Structure formats: structure tokens, C-alpha cells
Amino acid sequence: MGKNPTYEKIRKRRTIRKYLHKTVPEEALLKCVDAARLSPSGRNRQPLRYVIVNDPKSLKQVFSTLSWAVDLPDYFPTEEEMPRAYIVILLDKKISRTPNHDAGIAAMGISMVAYDGGLGSCILGSVDREKLREILKVPEDLAIALVVALGYPAENPVVETVKDGDIKYCLDENGVLHVPKRDLKDIVR
């Protein structure tokens, strides 16, 4: 099959939870949203809307609504390491009542375009949606589907093949995050 640049990028891209204190250019954020806009949508209904968050006050407020690394409760970004931008993915309930797969597809598009631009990302579903709705003044006819955290990576997680079926990520003695993935032969029938 030969070299496949898309496959290689997906293979190398990791979830990033700690970021450098460096502003993400607005044009990069708009490019990410444009990629999401162009992503596939069930029946081409295009029910998603987006909020870009990148001002310092709002960044702190959004940060307070998110949960990080559930399996490592002490592993989360400090205020100095928090994301420097967010793209909040909203579902227009007048178009679709269920987020189906559109939000996940859009989030992956955002994440891959960000990766191409040297940014790290973390797709978050563990969100205090009511608090975030208040902060961003999201109207009731829009549901908060996912939040994509973005910024320049301040960590370099590594992938390893699952040993003994344990898929929980962990930190090594140097503070490097290890992300176990199941072996391809174990998941294909």
C-alpha cells in the first residue's frame, strides 16, 4: 500500500492536555472550524455550530468547566499549562435532536487540521454543560456536544501496545504520559 501521509499523521497524533503559554492565531482556529464545516454530516443536515474561545478571561472560565484524564486524577493542566483556545461544538436542536456522529467527525477534523498546524488538541466530552452554557451564553436551541481544547503542546505522550489487557494510560517516573493501544490483530475479526 505504500506510505500514506494521512495514516502517518493519525498514528503520530496524540491527545495533548498540557500546553505552552503561547497564543493560537485566529486564522488557525478558523481553518479548524472550516475543516469541521466541510466534514461529512448525516443526510448532509449540517446541524453543528461552533464557538471559538480565545480571550484570556473566557479561557479560564471554560477551563473551569472541563474534566481531564479521568484515570489520572492528579494529571491535569495547571492554569499556566491550560489550553490557549477552545472550539466548542454545538448541535442545533431545530435541525437534529441527537448529536449522532457528526460532532465526533467534526472534532477529529479539527484535531487533525490543528495537528498539521503544529497544535495539540484534546477532544473533551466530560463538560459541565450548564455552567459552560451560562459562560458562553449559548441559546437553549443549541446543545453543547463536545469541546476541543487547542494549543502548542507542552508534553509528548507516547503510544505503546497494550500489555495484559490494561488500557489505562499512566505516567512513568519522568512524568511522560504513556497511552496503551490495543494491537490491531486483537481488534480485527
N, C-alpha and C. Protein backbone atom coordinates (compact mmCIF):
# COMPACT_ATOMS: atom_id res chain seq x y z
N MET A 1 0.83 -1.21 0.00
CA MET A 1 0.00 0.00 0.00
C MET A 1 0.86 1.26 0.00
N GLY A 2 2.10 1.17 0.41
CA GLY A 2 2.99 2.33 0.36
C GLY A 2 2.76 3.30 1.50
N LYS A 3 3.55 4.36 1.50
CA LYS A 3 3.42 5.41 2.53
C LYS A 3 2.11 6.15 2.36
N ASN A 4 1.45 6.40 3.47
CA ASN A 4 0.18 7.12 3.46
C ASN A 4 0.29 8.26 4.47
N PRO A 5 0.42 9.51 3.99
CA PRO A 5 0.62 10.64 4.93
C PRO A 5 -0.52 10.81 5.94
N THR A 6 -1.75 10.55 5.54
CA THR A 6 -2.87 10.69 6.48
C THR A 6 -2.75 9.66 7.59
N TYR A 7 -2.49 8.42 7.24
CA TYR A 7 -2.32 7.37 8.23
C TYR A 7 -1.18 7.71 9.19
N GLU A 8 -0.07 8.18 8.66
CA GLU A 8 1.08 8.52 9.50
C GLU A 8 0.73 9.63 10.49
N LYS A 9 -0.03 10.62 10.05
CA LYS A 9 -0.43 11.70 10.96
C LYS A 9 -1.35 11.19 12.06
N ILE A 10 -2.29 10.33 11.69
CA ILE A 10 -3.20 9.77 12.70
C ILE A 10 -2.41 8.92 13.69
N ARG A 11 -1.44 8.19 13.18
CA ARG A 11 -0.60 7.34 14.03
C ARG A 11 0.22 8.16 15.02
N LYS A 12 0.67 9.34 14.61
CA LYS A 12 1.54 10.16 15.46
C LYS A 12 0.78 11.13 16.36
N ARG A 13 -0.41 11.53 15.96
CA ARG A 13 -1.16 12.50 16.75
C ARG A 13 -1.60 11.88 18.08
N ARG A 14 -1.39 12.58 19.15
CA ARG A 14 -1.81 12.15 20.47
C ARG A 14 -2.66 13.25 21.10
N THR A 15 -3.46 12.86 22.06
CA THR A 15 -4.20 13.84 22.85
C THR A 15 -3.21 14.61 23.71
N ILE A 16 -3.34 15.92 23.70
CA ILE A 16 -2.46 16.80 24.48
C ILE A 16 -3.30 17.46 25.57
N ARG A 17 -2.80 17.40 26.80
CA ARG A 17 -3.51 18.01 27.94
C ARG A 17 -2.76 19.18 28.55
N LYS A 18 -1.49 19.35 28.18
CA LYS A 18 -0.69 20.45 28.72
C LYS A 18 -0.10 21.25 27.56
N TYR A 19 -0.23 22.58 27.68
CA TYR A 19 0.10 23.47 26.57
C TYR A 19 1.07 24.56 26.98
N LEU A 20 1.79 25.07 25.98
CA LEU A 20 2.68 26.21 26.18
C LEU A 20 1.84 27.48 26.31
N HIS A 21 2.38 28.44 27.02
CA HIS A 21 1.70 29.73 27.18
C HIS A 21 2.00 30.58 25.94
N LYS A 22 1.32 30.22 24.84
CA LYS A 22 1.55 30.85 23.54
C LYS A 22 0.21 30.96 22.82
N THR A 23 -0.10 32.14 22.33
CA THR A 23 -1.37 32.40 21.67
C THR A 23 -1.50 31.61 20.37
N VAL A 24 -2.69 31.08 20.16
CA VAL A 24 -3.01 30.38 18.91
C VAL A 24 -3.58 31.42 17.94
N PRO A 25 -3.00 31.55 16.75
CA PRO A 25 -3.51 32.54 15.79
C PRO A 25 -4.98 32.27 15.41
N GLU A 26 -5.75 33.33 15.30
CA GLU A 26 -7.16 33.19 14.95
C GLU A 26 -7.34 32.52 13.60
N GLU A 27 -6.45 32.78 12.66
CA GLU A 27 -6.59 32.15 11.34
C GLU A 27 -6.47 30.63 11.44
N ALA A 28 -5.65 30.13 12.37
CA ALA A 28 -5.54 28.68 12.58
C ALA A 28 -6.85 28.12 13.13
N LEU A 29 -7.48 28.86 14.03
CA LEU A 29 -8.75 28.42 14.60
C LEU A 29 -9.87 28.42 13.55
N LEU A 30 -9.88 29.43 12.71
CA LEU A 30 -10.88 29.49 11.64
C LEU A 30 -10.67 28.36 10.64
N LYS A 31 -9.43 28.02 10.37
CA LYS A 31 -9.13 26.90 9.47
C LYS A 31 -9.64 25.59 10.07
N CYS A 32 -9.49 25.43 11.37
CA CYS A 32 -10.00 24.23 12.05
C CYS A 32 -11.52 24.15 11.94
N VAL A 33 -12.20 25.27 12.16
CA VAL A 33 -13.66 25.28 12.06
C VAL A 33 -14.08 25.03 10.61
N ASP A 34 -13.34 25.58 9.66
CA ASP A 34 -13.68 25.34 8.26
C ASP A 34 -13.56 23.85 7.92
N ALA A 35 -12.55 23.19 8.46
CA ALA A 35 -12.41 21.74 8.24
C ALA A 35 -13.62 21.00 8.82
N ALA A 36 -14.07 21.42 10.00
CA ALA A 36 -15.25 20.81 10.61
C ALA A 36 -16.49 21.06 9.74
N ARG A 37 -16.61 22.26 9.23
CA ARG A 37 -17.74 22.62 8.37
C ARG A 37 -17.80 21.74 7.13
N LEU A 38 -16.62 21.39 6.61
CA LEU A 38 -16.54 20.58 5.39
C LEU A 38 -16.60 19.07 5.65
N SER A 39 -16.61 18.68 6.93
CA SER A 39 -16.65 17.26 7.29
C SER A 39 -17.99 16.63 6.91
N PRO A 40 -18.02 15.30 6.77
CA PRO A 40 -19.29 14.63 6.48
C PRO A 40 -20.33 14.87 7.56
N SER A 41 -21.59 14.86 7.15
CA SER A 41 -22.70 15.07 8.06
C SER A 41 -23.83 14.15 7.63
N GLY A 42 -24.44 13.45 8.61
CA GLY A 42 -25.55 12.55 8.31
C GLY A 42 -26.65 13.25 7.53
N ARG A 43 -27.02 12.66 6.39
CA ARG A 43 -28.04 13.23 5.49
C ARG A 43 -27.68 14.66 5.06
N ASN A 44 -26.44 15.06 5.25
CA ASN A 44 -25.94 16.40 4.92
C ASN A 44 -26.79 17.49 5.60
N ARG A 45 -27.27 17.19 6.80
CA ARG A 45 -28.12 18.15 7.51
C ARG A 45 -27.32 19.30 8.11
N GLN A 46 -26.03 19.07 8.38
CA GLN A 46 -25.14 20.11 8.90
C GLN A 46 -25.71 20.81 10.14
N PRO A 47 -25.97 20.04 11.21
CA PRO A 47 -26.60 20.61 12.40
C PRO A 47 -25.62 21.27 13.37
N LEU A 48 -24.35 21.29 13.05
CA LEU A 48 -23.36 21.79 14.01
C LEU A 48 -23.08 23.27 13.85
N ARG A 49 -22.84 23.89 15.00
CA ARG A 49 -22.41 25.29 15.07
C ARG A 49 -21.17 25.31 15.95
N TYR A 50 -20.41 26.39 15.92
CA TYR A 50 -19.12 26.43 16.61
C TYR A 50 -18.93 27.75 17.33
N VAL A 51 -18.30 27.68 18.49
CA VAL A 51 -17.89 28.87 19.22
C VAL A 51 -16.38 28.77 19.40
N ILE A 52 -15.67 29.80 18.95
CA ILE A 52 -14.23 29.88 19.17
C ILE A 52 -14.01 30.70 20.43
N VAL A 53 -13.24 30.15 21.36
CA VAL A 53 -12.93 30.83 22.61
C VAL A 53 -11.41 31.03 22.66
N ASN A 54 -10.96 32.29 22.70
CA ASN A 54 -9.52 32.52 22.76
C ASN A 54 -9.11 33.77 23.53
N ASP A 55 -10.06 34.43 24.19
CA ASP A 55 -9.65 35.56 25.02
C ASP A 55 -9.33 35.06 26.43
N PRO A 56 -8.31 35.65 27.08
CA PRO A 56 -7.81 35.12 28.36
C PRO A 56 -8.87 34.92 29.45
N LYS A 57 -9.80 35.85 29.60
CA LYS A 57 -10.82 35.72 30.64
C LYS A 57 -11.71 34.51 30.36
N SER A 58 -12.17 34.39 29.13
CA SER A 58 -13.05 33.28 28.77
C SER A 58 -12.32 31.94 28.83
N LEU A 59 -11.02 31.93 28.49
CA LEU A 59 -10.25 30.69 28.56
C LEU A 59 -10.29 30.10 29.97
N LYS A 60 -10.09 30.94 30.96
CA LYS A 60 -10.12 30.48 32.36
C LYS A 60 -11.51 29.98 32.74
N GLN A 61 -12.53 30.69 32.29
CA GLN A 61 -13.90 30.28 32.62
C GLN A 61 -14.25 28.93 32.00
N VAL A 62 -13.90 28.74 30.72
CA VAL A 62 -14.18 27.47 30.05
C VAL A 62 -13.37 26.35 30.71
N PHE A 63 -12.12 26.63 31.01
CA PHE A 63 -11.24 25.66 31.66
C PHE A 63 -11.89 25.09 32.92
N SER A 64 -12.60 25.94 33.67
CA SER A 64 -13.22 25.52 34.92
C SER A 64 -14.39 24.56 34.71
N THR A 65 -14.85 24.38 33.48
CA THR A 65 -15.99 23.51 33.20
C THR A 65 -15.57 22.12 32.70
N LEU A 66 -14.27 21.88 32.57
CA LEU A 66 -13.78 20.66 31.93
C LEU A 66 -13.15 19.69 32.91
N SER A 67 -13.28 18.39 32.62
CA SER A 67 -12.61 17.35 33.40
C SER A 67 -11.51 16.74 32.53
N TRP A 68 -10.36 16.48 33.14
CA TRP A 68 -9.19 15.99 32.40
C TRP A 68 -8.75 14.63 32.92
N ALA A 69 -8.31 13.74 32.04
CA ALA A 69 -7.64 12.47 32.37
C ALA A 69 -8.26 11.77 33.57
N VAL A 70 -9.45 11.26 33.40
CA VAL A 70 -10.20 10.63 34.49
C VAL A 70 -9.40 9.53 35.19
N ASP A 71 -8.62 8.75 34.42
CA ASP A 71 -7.85 7.66 35.03
C ASP A 71 -6.62 8.15 35.80
N LEU A 72 -6.27 9.41 35.60
CA LEU A 72 -5.14 10.01 36.35
C LEU A 72 -5.65 11.30 36.99
N PRO A 73 -6.33 11.20 38.10
CA PRO A 73 -6.98 12.39 38.69
C PRO A 73 -6.02 13.52 39.05
N ASP A 74 -4.74 13.22 39.24
CA ASP A 74 -3.78 14.29 39.58
C ASP A 74 -3.07 14.82 38.35
N TYR A 75 -3.46 14.35 37.16
CA TYR A 75 -2.80 14.76 35.92
C TYR A 75 -3.74 15.67 35.13
N PHE A 76 -3.50 16.94 35.25
CA PHE A 76 -4.31 17.92 34.51
C PHE A 76 -3.48 19.17 34.34
N PRO A 77 -3.83 20.00 33.37
CA PRO A 77 -3.05 21.21 33.17
C PRO A 77 -3.25 22.21 34.31
N THR A 78 -2.17 22.88 34.67
CA THR A 78 -2.28 23.99 35.60
C THR A 78 -2.80 25.19 34.82
N GLU A 79 -3.06 26.27 35.50
CA GLU A 79 -3.51 27.47 34.80
C GLU A 79 -2.45 27.94 33.79
N GLU A 80 -1.18 27.75 34.12
CA GLU A 80 -0.09 28.11 33.21
C GLU A 80 -0.03 27.19 31.99
N GLU A 81 -0.49 25.94 32.14
CA GLU A 81 -0.43 24.94 31.06
C GLU A 81 -1.77 24.74 30.34
N MET A 82 -2.78 25.52 30.73
CA MET A 82 -4.11 25.30 30.15
C MET A 82 -4.12 25.63 28.66
N PRO A 83 -5.12 25.12 27.94
CA PRO A 83 -5.24 25.41 26.51
C PRO A 83 -5.32 26.91 26.25
N ARG A 84 -4.89 27.30 25.07
CA ARG A 84 -4.90 28.71 24.68
C ARG A 84 -6.04 29.03 23.73
N ALA A 85 -6.86 28.00 23.45
CA ALA A 85 -8.07 28.20 22.65
C ALA A 85 -8.97 26.98 22.82
N TYR A 86 -10.24 27.20 22.56
CA TYR A 86 -11.21 26.12 22.54
C TYR A 86 -12.12 26.32 21.34
N ILE A 87 -12.55 25.21 20.77
CA ILE A 87 -13.64 25.25 19.81
C ILE A 87 -14.74 24.40 20.43
N VAL A 88 -15.85 25.06 20.72
CA VAL A 88 -16.99 24.39 21.32
C VAL A 88 -17.93 24.00 20.18
N ILE A 89 -18.25 22.71 20.11
CA ILE A 89 -19.11 22.19 19.05
C ILE A 89 -20.53 22.12 19.60
N LEU A 90 -21.43 22.80 18.92
CA LEU A 90 -22.83 22.89 19.32
C LEU A 90 -23.71 22.16 18.32
N LEU A 91 -24.80 21.59 18.80
CA LEU A 91 -25.77 20.92 17.96
C LEU A 91 -27.04 21.77 17.90
N ASP A 92 -27.44 22.16 16.71
CA ASP A 92 -28.67 22.92 16.51
C ASP A 92 -29.84 21.95 16.62
N LYS A 93 -30.58 22.03 17.73
CA LYS A 93 -31.67 21.08 18.02
C LYS A 93 -32.87 21.28 17.09
N LYS A 94 -32.93 22.37 16.38
CA LYS A 94 -34.01 22.58 15.40
C LYS A 94 -33.76 21.71 14.16
N ILE A 95 -32.50 21.35 13.95
CA ILE A 95 -32.13 20.53 12.78
C ILE A 95 -32.05 19.07 13.16
N SER A 96 -31.48 18.77 14.33
CA SER A 96 -31.29 17.38 14.77
C SER A 96 -31.35 17.33 16.28
N ARG A 97 -32.04 16.33 16.81
CA ARG A 97 -32.17 16.18 18.26
C ARG A 97 -31.03 15.37 18.88
N THR A 98 -30.34 14.58 18.08
CA THR A 98 -29.26 13.75 18.59
C THR A 98 -27.96 14.11 17.88
N PRO A 99 -26.85 14.16 18.63
CA PRO A 99 -25.59 14.55 18.00
C PRO A 99 -25.06 13.51 17.03
N ASN A 100 -25.70 12.33 16.98
CA ASN A 100 -25.25 11.21 16.16
C ASN A 100 -23.73 11.21 16.06
N HIS A 101 -23.20 11.09 14.90
CA HIS A 101 -21.74 11.01 14.78
C HIS A 101 -21.12 12.30 14.27
N ASP A 102 -21.95 13.25 13.90
CA ASP A 102 -21.43 14.48 13.28
C ASP A 102 -20.41 15.21 14.16
N ALA A 103 -20.70 15.31 15.45
CA ALA A 103 -19.79 16.06 16.34
C ALA A 103 -18.44 15.37 16.45
N GLY A 104 -18.42 14.04 16.52
CA GLY A 104 -17.16 13.30 16.60
C GLY A 104 -16.34 13.45 15.32
N ILE A 105 -17.03 13.37 14.18
CA ILE A 105 -16.35 13.54 12.90
C ILE A 105 -15.76 14.95 12.81
N ALA A 106 -16.54 15.95 13.20
CA ALA A 106 -16.07 17.33 13.16
C ALA A 106 -14.89 17.54 14.10
N ALA A 107 -14.97 16.95 15.30
CA ALA A 107 -13.88 17.09 16.27
C ALA A 107 -12.59 16.49 15.74
N MET A 108 -12.68 15.35 15.08
CA MET A 108 -11.49 14.74 14.50
C MET A 108 -10.92 15.61 13.39
N GLY A 109 -11.78 16.20 12.57
CA GLY A 109 -11.31 17.12 11.54
C GLY A 109 -10.57 18.30 12.15
N ILE A 110 -11.14 18.88 13.19
CA ILE A 110 -10.50 20.00 13.90
C ILE A 110 -9.14 19.55 14.42
N SER A 111 -9.13 18.40 15.06
CA SER A 111 -7.92 17.88 15.68
C SER A 111 -6.80 17.63 14.67
N MET A 112 -7.14 17.08 13.52
CA MET A 112 -6.13 16.77 12.51
C MET A 112 -5.60 18.03 11.83
N VAL A 113 -6.46 19.01 11.56
CA VAL A 113 -6.00 20.27 10.97
C VAL A 113 -5.12 21.00 11.98
N ALA A 114 -5.50 20.95 13.25
CA ALA A 114 -4.67 21.56 14.29
C ALA A 114 -3.29 20.90 14.32
N TYR A 115 -3.27 19.58 14.28
CA TYR A 115 -2.01 18.82 14.29
C TYR A 115 -1.13 19.23 13.11
N ASP A 116 -1.73 19.35 11.94
CA ASP A 116 -0.97 19.80 10.75
C ASP A 116 -0.36 21.18 10.95
N GLY A 117 -1.00 22.01 11.76
CA GLY A 117 -0.52 23.36 12.02
C GLY A 117 0.39 23.45 13.24
N GLY A 118 0.83 22.31 13.78
CA GLY A 118 1.73 22.31 14.93
C GLY A 118 1.05 22.45 16.27
N LEU A 119 -0.26 22.34 16.28
CA LEU A 119 -1.03 22.47 17.52
C LEU A 119 -1.37 21.10 18.10
N GLY A 120 -1.55 21.05 19.39
CA GLY A 120 -2.06 19.88 20.06
C GLY A 120 -3.53 20.09 20.34
N SER A 121 -4.24 18.98 20.59
CA SER A 121 -5.67 19.09 20.88
C SER A 121 -6.10 18.00 21.84
N CYS A 122 -7.22 18.27 22.49
CA CYS A 122 -7.85 17.29 23.37
C CYS A 122 -9.35 17.42 23.15
N ILE A 123 -9.97 16.33 22.71
CA ILE A 123 -11.41 16.31 22.49
C ILE A 123 -12.07 15.92 23.81
N LEU A 124 -12.90 16.80 24.33
CA LEU A 124 -13.48 16.62 25.66
C LEU A 124 -15.00 16.46 25.61
N GLY A 125 -15.48 15.38 26.21
CA GLY A 125 -16.91 15.17 26.36
C GLY A 125 -17.35 15.33 27.80
N SER A 126 -16.36 15.34 28.72
CA SER A 126 -16.65 15.49 30.14
C SER A 126 -16.65 16.98 30.47
N VAL A 127 -17.85 17.57 30.35
CA VAL A 127 -18.01 19.03 30.42
C VAL A 127 -19.20 19.35 31.32
N ASP A 128 -19.06 20.36 32.15
CA ASP A 128 -20.20 20.87 32.90
C ASP A 128 -20.97 21.76 31.92
N ARG A 129 -21.90 21.14 31.20
CA ARG A 129 -22.59 21.81 30.10
C ARG A 129 -23.43 23.00 30.54
N GLU A 130 -24.09 22.89 31.68
CA GLU A 130 -24.92 24.01 32.13
C GLU A 130 -24.06 25.23 32.49
N LYS A 131 -22.96 24.99 33.16
CA LYS A 131 -22.05 26.09 33.51
C LYS A 131 -21.45 26.71 32.24
N LEU A 132 -21.05 25.86 31.29
CA LEU A 132 -20.49 26.36 30.04
C LEU A 132 -21.54 27.13 29.24
N ARG A 133 -22.78 26.65 29.26
CA ARG A 133 -23.87 27.36 28.57
C ARG A 133 -24.02 28.78 29.10
N GLU A 134 -23.94 28.91 30.43
CA GLU A 134 -24.04 30.25 31.05
C GLU A 134 -22.87 31.13 30.64
N ILE A 135 -21.66 30.59 30.73
CA ILE A 135 -20.45 31.36 30.42
C ILE A 135 -20.49 31.89 28.99
N LEU A 136 -20.84 31.01 28.05
CA LEU A 136 -20.81 31.38 26.63
C LEU A 136 -22.14 31.94 26.13
N LYS A 137 -23.14 31.99 27.02
CA LYS A 137 -24.47 32.47 26.65
C LYS A 137 -25.01 31.72 25.43
N VAL A 138 -24.94 30.39 25.52
CA VAL A 138 -25.43 29.52 24.45
C VAL A 138 -26.95 29.44 24.54
N PRO A 139 -27.65 29.77 23.46
CA PRO A 139 -29.11 29.69 23.48
C PRO A 139 -29.60 28.26 23.71
N GLU A 140 -30.81 28.12 24.24
CA GLU A 140 -31.38 26.81 24.58
C GLU A 140 -31.58 25.90 23.37
N ASP A 141 -31.72 26.49 22.17
CA ASP A 141 -31.94 25.65 20.99
C ASP A 141 -30.64 25.03 20.45
N LEU A 142 -29.53 25.29 21.14
CA LEU A 142 -28.24 24.69 20.79
C LEU A 142 -27.75 23.84 21.96
N ALA A 143 -27.39 22.60 21.69
CA ALA A 143 -26.85 21.70 22.72
C ALA A 143 -25.33 21.67 22.60
N ILE A 144 -24.65 21.65 23.74
CA ILE A 144 -23.19 21.54 23.74
C ILE A 144 -22.84 20.07 23.55
N ALA A 145 -22.19 19.77 22.41
CA ALA A 145 -21.84 18.39 22.09
C ALA A 145 -20.46 18.03 22.62
N LEU A 146 -19.44 18.75 22.20
CA LEU A 146 -18.05 18.49 22.58
C LEU A 146 -17.29 19.80 22.67
N VAL A 147 -16.15 19.74 23.36
CA VAL A 147 -15.22 20.87 23.41
C VAL A 147 -13.87 20.36 22.93
N VAL A 148 -13.25 21.08 22.01
CA VAL A 148 -11.91 20.73 21.57
C VAL A 148 -10.95 21.78 22.12
N ALA A 149 -10.06 21.34 23.01
CA ALA A 149 -9.04 22.21 23.58
C ALA A 149 -7.86 22.25 22.61
N LEU A 150 -7.25 23.42 22.46
CA LEU A 150 -6.16 23.60 21.49
C LEU A 150 -5.04 24.44 22.06
N GLY A 151 -3.83 24.19 21.58
CA GLY A 151 -2.67 24.98 21.96
C GLY A 151 -1.40 24.30 21.47
N TYR A 152 -0.29 24.95 21.71
CA TYR A 152 1.00 24.37 21.35
C TYR A 152 1.40 23.39 22.44
N PRO A 153 1.73 22.15 22.06
CA PRO A 153 1.99 21.09 23.06
C PRO A 153 3.14 21.40 24.01
N ALA A 154 2.92 21.10 25.29
CA ALA A 154 3.97 21.20 26.31
C ALA A 154 4.26 19.81 26.87
N GLU A 155 3.82 18.78 26.16
CA GLU A 155 4.07 17.40 26.55
C GLU A 155 4.17 16.56 25.28
N ASN A 156 4.69 15.36 25.43
CA ASN A 156 4.85 14.47 24.29
C ASN A 156 4.47 13.04 24.70
N PRO A 157 3.16 12.75 24.77
CA PRO A 157 2.72 11.40 25.14
C PRO A 157 3.23 10.36 24.15
N VAL A 158 3.43 9.14 24.64
CA VAL A 158 3.90 8.05 23.78
C VAL A 158 2.87 6.92 23.76
N VAL A 159 2.80 6.27 22.61
CA VAL A 159 1.89 5.13 22.44
C VAL A 159 2.67 3.85 22.68
N GLU A 160 2.00 2.90 23.29
CA GLU A 160 2.59 1.57 23.45
C GLU A 160 1.49 0.54 23.25
N THR A 161 1.87 -0.65 22.89
CA THR A 161 0.90 -1.73 22.72
C THR A 161 0.47 -2.23 24.09
N VAL A 162 -0.82 -2.52 24.21
CA VAL A 162 -1.40 -2.99 25.46
C VAL A 162 -0.68 -4.26 25.93
N LYS A 163 -0.39 -4.26 27.22
CA LYS A 163 0.16 -5.45 27.86
C LYS A 163 -0.87 -5.93 28.87
N ASP A 164 -1.21 -7.18 28.84
CA ASP A 164 -2.15 -7.78 29.80
C ASP A 164 -3.54 -7.14 29.77
N GLY A 165 -3.92 -6.55 28.65
CA GLY A 165 -5.27 -6.00 28.51
C GLY A 165 -5.53 -4.70 29.24
N ASP A 166 -4.52 -4.12 29.90
CA ASP A 166 -4.72 -2.88 30.66
C ASP A 166 -4.61 -1.69 29.72
N ILE A 167 -5.72 -0.99 29.48
CA ILE A 167 -5.72 0.15 28.57
C ILE A 167 -5.69 1.51 29.27
N LYS A 168 -5.48 1.52 30.58
CA LYS A 168 -5.40 2.79 31.30
C LYS A 168 -4.07 3.46 31.02
N TYR A 169 -4.14 4.75 30.70
CA TYR A 169 -2.90 5.48 30.49
C TYR A 169 -2.24 5.74 31.83
N CYS A 170 -0.92 5.97 31.79
CA CYS A 170 -0.17 6.14 33.03
C CYS A 170 1.03 7.04 32.79
N LEU A 171 1.56 7.54 33.88
CA LEU A 171 2.77 8.36 33.84
C LEU A 171 3.96 7.51 34.25
N ASP A 172 5.10 7.70 33.57
CA ASP A 172 6.31 7.00 34.00
C ASP A 172 7.04 7.86 35.03
N GLU A 173 8.21 7.38 35.48
CA GLU A 173 8.97 8.09 36.53
C GLU A 173 9.45 9.47 36.10
N ASN A 174 9.46 9.74 34.77
CA ASN A 174 9.87 11.05 34.26
C ASN A 174 8.68 11.96 33.95
N GLY A 175 7.48 11.50 34.30
CA GLY A 175 6.29 12.31 34.06
C GLY A 175 5.77 12.24 32.63
N VAL A 176 6.27 11.27 31.84
CA VAL A 176 5.81 11.12 30.46
C VAL A 176 4.54 10.27 30.46
N LEU A 177 3.54 10.74 29.74
CA LEU A 177 2.27 10.03 29.66
C LEU A 177 2.39 8.89 28.64
N HIS A 178 2.01 7.68 29.05
CA HIS A 178 2.00 6.51 28.18
C HIS A 178 0.56 6.14 27.88
N VAL A 179 0.27 5.95 26.59
CA VAL A 179 -1.08 5.68 26.13
C VAL A 179 -1.13 4.30 25.49
N PRO A 180 -1.65 3.30 26.21
CA PRO A 180 -1.73 1.95 25.65
C PRO A 180 -2.82 1.86 24.59
N LYS A 181 -2.51 1.18 23.50
CA LYS A 181 -3.49 0.93 22.43
C LYS A 181 -3.54 -0.57 22.18
N ARG A 182 -4.72 -1.08 21.94
CA ARG A 182 -4.86 -2.50 21.63
C ARG A 182 -4.16 -2.80 20.32
N ASP A 183 -3.61 -4.00 20.20
CA ASP A 183 -2.92 -4.42 18.99
C ASP A 183 -3.96 -4.65 17.88
N LEU A 184 -3.60 -4.32 16.66
CA LEU A 184 -4.50 -4.46 15.52
C LEU A 184 -5.05 -5.88 15.41
N LYS A 185 -4.20 -6.87 15.60
CA LYS A 185 -4.63 -8.27 15.48
C LYS A 185 -5.67 -8.65 16.54
N ASP A 186 -5.73 -7.90 17.63
CA ASP A 186 -6.68 -8.20 18.70
C ASP A 186 -8.07 -7.57 18.48
N ILE A 187 -8.19 -6.69 17.51
CA ILE A 187 -9.46 -6.00 17.31
C ILE A 187 -10.12 -6.28 15.98
N VAL A 188 -9.40 -6.94 15.07
CA VAL A 188 -9.96 -7.22 13.75
C VAL A 188 -10.43 -8.67 13.69
N ARG A 189 -11.64 -8.88 13.18
CA ARG A 189 -12.19 -10.25 13.03
C ARG A 189 -12.25 -10.56 11.56
